[in-house]
Amino acid sequence: LTSNLTQGLAVDSQNSQTVYFITLGQVRRSVDGGTTSQDFTTGLPSGAAQFIAADPQVGGTIYALFGNAVYKKAGSNPWVKSSTGLPTGSFSFLAIDPNNSSTLYAGGGSGLFKSSDGGTTWAVANGGLTGVNPAGLTIDPFNSRHLLTWSNSSGYESTDGGANWASFAVAPHRQAIL
């Protein structure tokens, strides 16, 4: 993992020595804390992976994002495309609820979508985010219905698990004048 070409990283929730990462668009896995790694793309489409995330509750379960498709791998099972309901377009991130890992969010240029069944099906989760391309999503670790997302210099908050969003003021960066 010393390469500056690593584009994403996820650590297994049950074994910190198992690390999944993306290098040059390819998913790799290390079982020795990153000392060595092997290709982990068997069953994935050709092309570049954009994002990888490990399930925070179920060891050995990971998700990889390829353009407008999410793929899931649970244990020794093969990668499975888990994108029913996602539109054609582009996504740049995944977020997994730390309290209920069957709840996931995918977002980016195509908007924001939510899955409540471990990625099997997806639905729009962007009420009030019309025209917004979310850059990321944070889930409150104490209240899974409280979400924050952002786009450029605008911030948005949901208190109902992504059904509705409202903008909030983001204080501009102020530089001290000496």
Protein backbone atom coordinates (compact mmCIF):
# COMPACT_ATOMS: atom_id res chain seq x y z
CA LEU A 1 0.00 0.00 0.00
CA THR A 2 2.98 2.31 -0.31
CA SER A 3 1.99 3.25 -3.85
CA ASN A 4 0.72 6.75 -4.46
CA LEU A 5 -1.65 5.18 -6.99
CA THR A 6 -4.10 3.91 -4.36
CA GLN A 7 -7.46 5.54 -5.09
CA GLY A 8 -9.68 4.05 -2.38
CA LEU A 9 -9.30 1.98 0.76
CA ALA A 10 -11.60 -0.05 3.03
CA VAL A 11 -10.72 -2.11 6.10
CA ASP A 12 -12.71 -5.24 6.98
CA SER A 13 -14.86 -4.68 10.08
CA GLN A 14 -13.90 -8.00 11.67
CA ASN A 15 -10.22 -8.25 10.70
CA SER A 16 -8.05 -5.15 10.48
CA GLN A 17 -5.40 -7.13 8.58
CA THR A 18 -7.81 -7.55 5.65
CA VAL A 19 -7.70 -4.43 3.52
CA TYR A 20 -9.46 -3.78 0.19
CA PHE A 21 -8.22 -1.03 -2.08
CA ILE A 22 -8.35 0.36 -5.59
CA THR A 23 -5.15 0.83 -7.56
CA LEU A 24 -5.33 2.07 -11.15
CA GLY A 25 -9.06 1.29 -11.12
CA GLN A 26 -8.55 -2.35 -10.09
CA VAL A 27 -9.82 -3.82 -6.80
CA ARG A 28 -7.17 -5.58 -4.76
CA ARG A 29 -7.20 -7.37 -1.38
CA SER A 30 -4.52 -7.77 1.25
CA VAL A 31 -4.85 -10.22 4.14
CA ASP A 32 -1.63 -9.12 5.84
CA GLY A 33 -2.32 -5.46 6.53
CA GLY A 34 -1.15 -4.28 3.12
CA THR A 35 2.26 -5.93 2.96
CA THR A 36 1.19 -8.01 -0.03
CA SER A 37 -1.96 -7.98 -2.12
CA GLN A 38 -3.70 -9.92 -4.86
CA ASP A 39 -6.11 -9.05 -7.63
CA PHE A 40 -9.71 -9.15 -6.39
CA THR A 41 -11.56 -8.38 -9.63
CA THR A 42 -12.78 -11.84 -10.65
CA GLY A 43 -16.46 -11.39 -11.41
CA LEU A 44 -16.30 -7.60 -11.72
CA PRO A 45 -16.84 -5.80 -15.03
CA SER A 46 -13.90 -4.47 -16.99
CA GLY A 47 -13.25 -0.81 -16.42
CA ALA A 48 -12.22 1.25 -13.46
CA ALA A 49 -13.65 1.02 -9.97
CA GLN A 50 -14.36 4.46 -8.50
CA PHE A 51 -15.13 3.66 -4.88
CA ILE A 52 -14.90 0.80 -2.39
CA ALA A 53 -16.59 0.41 1.01
CA ALA A 54 -16.54 -2.32 3.66
CA ASP A 55 -19.67 -3.26 5.59
CA PRO A 56 -19.15 -1.84 9.11
CA GLN A 57 -21.01 -4.75 10.77
CA VAL A 58 -20.53 -7.84 8.59
CA GLY A 59 -16.94 -8.92 8.07
CA GLY A 60 -15.99 -9.98 4.55
CA THR A 61 -18.75 -7.94 2.89
CA ILE A 62 -17.62 -5.18 0.55
CA TYR A 63 -19.13 -2.95 -2.12
CA ALA A 64 -17.44 -1.57 -5.23
CA LEU A 65 -18.75 1.22 -7.42
CA PHE A 66 -18.28 1.09 -11.20
CA GLY A 67 -19.86 4.11 -12.94
CA ASN A 68 -23.58 3.62 -12.44
CA ALA A 69 -23.39 0.13 -10.96
CA VAL A 70 -22.82 -1.16 -7.44
CA TYR A 71 -21.30 -4.60 -6.91
CA LYS A 72 -21.40 -6.54 -3.64
CA LYS A 73 -19.22 -9.38 -2.42
CA ALA A 74 -20.16 -11.25 0.75
CA GLY A 75 -17.56 -13.66 2.09
CA SER A 76 -16.49 -16.26 -0.47
CA ASN A 77 -19.56 -15.66 -2.63
CA PRO A 78 -18.97 -14.13 -6.07
CA TRP A 79 -19.40 -10.43 -6.83
CA VAL A 80 -23.07 -9.64 -7.54
CA LYS A 81 -24.38 -6.59 -9.35
CA SER A 82 -26.62 -4.77 -6.87
CA SER A 83 -28.01 -1.86 -8.86
CA THR A 84 -31.75 -2.38 -9.42
CA GLY A 85 -33.29 1.09 -9.40
CA LEU A 86 -30.10 3.06 -10.06
CA PRO A 87 -30.32 5.18 -13.22
CA THR A 88 -27.81 5.26 -16.00
CA GLY A 89 -25.39 8.01 -15.15
CA SER A 90 -22.52 8.50 -12.80
CA PHE A 91 -21.96 7.94 -9.12
CA SER A 92 -18.86 8.85 -7.17
CA PHE A 93 -19.44 7.59 -3.63
CA LEU A 94 -21.12 5.01 -1.41
CA ALA A 95 -22.00 5.41 2.26
CA ILE A 96 -23.08 2.62 4.61
CA ASP A 97 -25.13 3.25 7.75
CA PRO A 98 -22.87 2.31 10.70
CA ASN A 99 -25.91 1.25 12.77
CA ASN A 100 -27.76 -0.73 10.09
CA SER A 101 -25.45 -1.92 7.35
CA SER A 102 -28.32 -2.97 5.10
CA THR A 103 -28.91 0.77 4.51
CA LEU A 104 -26.64 2.24 1.84
CA TYR A 105 -26.47 5.47 -0.13
CA ALA A 106 -24.98 6.03 -3.58
CA GLY A 107 -24.50 9.52 -4.92
CA GLY A 108 -22.82 11.79 -7.40
CA GLY A 109 -23.69 13.28 -10.77
CA SER A 110 -26.90 11.24 -10.98
CA GLY A 111 -28.24 12.46 -7.63
CA LEU A 112 -28.65 10.56 -4.38
CA PHE A 113 -30.15 7.09 -3.97
CA LYS A 114 -30.84 4.85 -0.97
CA SER A 115 -31.02 1.10 -0.52
CA SER A 116 -32.65 -0.41 2.57
CA ASP A 117 -31.92 -4.01 1.60
CA GLY A 118 -28.14 -4.26 1.35
CA GLY A 119 -27.94 -2.86 -2.18
CA THR A 120 -30.44 -5.19 -3.82
CA THR A 121 -32.82 -2.35 -4.77
CA TRP A 122 -32.40 1.43 -4.80
CA ALA A 123 -34.78 4.42 -4.68
CA VAL A 124 -34.37 8.17 -5.04
CA ALA A 125 -33.39 9.88 -1.77
CA ASN A 126 -33.08 13.47 -2.89
CA GLY A 127 -36.28 15.34 -1.99
CA GLY A 128 -35.19 18.97 -1.93
CA LEU A 129 -31.86 18.35 -3.70
CA THR A 130 -33.12 19.23 -7.19
CA GLY A 131 -30.16 20.02 -9.43
CA VAL A 132 -27.63 19.13 -6.73
CA ASN A 133 -24.83 16.66 -7.44
CA PRO A 134 -23.77 15.47 -3.97
CA ALA A 135 -20.03 15.14 -3.43
CA GLY A 136 -20.31 12.90 -0.37
CA LEU A 137 -22.58 11.87 2.48
CA THR A 138 -22.10 11.64 6.24
CA ILE A 139 -24.39 9.58 8.44
CA ASP A 140 -24.76 10.61 12.08
CA PRO A 141 -23.39 7.66 14.10
CA PHE A 142 -25.95 8.33 16.86
CA ASN A 143 -29.01 8.88 14.66
CA SER A 144 -29.10 7.12 11.28
CA ARG A 145 -31.95 9.34 10.07
CA HIS A 146 -29.71 12.42 10.38
CA LEU A 147 -27.69 12.84 7.18
CA LEU A 148 -25.45 15.56 5.79
CA THR A 149 -24.38 16.03 2.18
CA TRP A 150 -22.63 18.78 0.28
CA SER A 151 -22.04 20.09 -3.21
CA ASN A 152 -19.48 22.78 -3.97
CA SER A 153 -19.93 25.30 -1.13
CA SER A 154 -23.49 24.32 -0.18
CA GLY A 155 -24.49 22.01 2.64
CA TYR A 156 -27.72 20.02 3.02
CA GLU A 157 -29.29 18.18 5.94
CA SER A 158 -31.90 15.45 6.19
CA THR A 159 -33.52 14.40 9.47
CA ASP A 160 -35.70 11.69 7.92
CA GLY A 161 -33.19 9.30 6.35
CA GLY A 162 -32.90 11.12 3.02
CA ALA A 163 -36.57 11.55 2.15
CA ASN A 164 -36.33 15.35 2.48
CA TRP A 165 -33.40 17.74 2.46
CA ALA A 166 -32.94 21.38 3.43
CA SER A 167 -29.95 23.61 2.83
CA PHE A 168 -28.03 25.04 5.71
CA ALA A 169 -25.51 27.83 5.84
CA VAL A 170 -21.89 26.85 5.49
CA ALA A 171 -19.62 29.49 6.92
CA PRO A 172 -17.06 30.59 4.36
CA HIS A 173 -13.44 29.88 5.14
CA ARG A 174 -11.97 32.93 6.79
CA GLN A 175 -8.29 33.62 6.72
CA ALA A 176 -6.75 35.62 9.51
CA ILE A 177 -5.26 38.91 8.41
CA LEU A 178 -2.06 39.70 10.20
